[in-house]
């Protein structure tokens, strides 16, 4: 046995691990506290799968998703321990719930039980709990099966992302984004020091007076909006009470994140529980009217491990994000730096690695000068994200509630105009028409950029 160094401890490694190449060894040294499994679930893949043992586990699950009915999958799970391992995987049943039932499904303990209940709503609660006890994974067990090193790594990583202790994320953040109090930061100072040069900043003491700070507790949200359906990631639409039930029982490495742009229409009183901070009062897109502008505001509710991968905000807008409850860890890169681990064509966030995957597999290998700006965004604080900045967010607490707006302003208009010229959709036409009378100077600037584009001078 030998030891390799770690930021917190020294850990023993086996002879097999010593034989890894230097590059592979570096990837094994996680930045966050490494956890060895206390118990191992051993599955004999070859004898348990027979002829199907030549296929990758992921391919088998996709095959089941495409060609098997829920009842057939339940029957297949009875054939062997490894078939049960494959068929009980909740990500498989989550895909069923999304694709076959359009995401409009009540969550009951697990995705498997939810699908079974959708087919037979007469199943009583006791029966659901019986199914749960026989199929729910014991997260203290690390998955392992004989002779499958490649798939062992995949399953171990997924298991690890689910059980990882997030305290390290809170306690070991560089915190290199400035904090300024609203008591001394005037709107004029904000524009000159942060918005015009495009520098992120956390503003404190700006939302203490919001009614949402007292009213958006879990109990009050459920009492007032429990029956209202909200959109979440993954293509689901769930009532708030059902989503909170999901939060209590889910064991997913990347849980569903409630991220709804229509909350102000479906739960109108929510929009009166907060006000746009004075620093972001300029909102150029409002000149086209509320019904014709692009989506610009969202309510965000999520458990620990949920969040959003690296992305830039649409149409060149800037954004502000206010945390009502809980905390978030942010990572940001300026427009001139493409985040490591995000492919060159991944301008849409859903093509980038999940936050936990990025932090575990890419962040540890970065040199200090290649790491992003980072912060822990705490309750009652507002984060300003400048136009064009890549950003990733990871929720750290059992429940995090926030609200965010995107906006176009005079300070970020150059990037907004460039983005609009790329799209040239109906909104581009409507906005240009209204801009002519609203701000003749910005309209002339916009027209000049159009002419430069025609001459090939705008990239």
Foldseek 3Di string as FASTA:
>chain_A
DDWDDAPPDIDDDDPVLVPDDPVVVLLVRWNADDDDFPAADEDAQCVQPPPCSVDDLVVVLVVCLVPPDLVVLVVQLVRGVVSLVSSLPLVSLLVCCCPVVQQEWFDDLTSSLRVVCVVPVVDDNVNSVVVCVVRPDDLSYQYDYPPDVPVSVVSNVFSCLLPPACVCVVPPWPQPAEEEEPVPQDLVNCCVPDAQVPGKYKYFPQWPPFQCLVQVDLVNCCVQQQQFWFDKPPRHIGGNVSVVVCLVRDRGSADIKGKGLCCCVRVVVVVVRGDDGPNFPDFLQCLLPPVPGPRWKIKIKDFFNYWFAKEFDALQWKKKKAWSDAKKKKFKDALVDDQPQQDPPPNDRVRGDAPSCCSGRPVSPDDPVRGTNMDIRHHRMMMIGHGNMIMIMGTHHRMIIMMMGIGDDPSRLVSSLLNCVVVVDPSSVSSLVSCCVVPVVSNVVSVVVVVCVVVVNRD
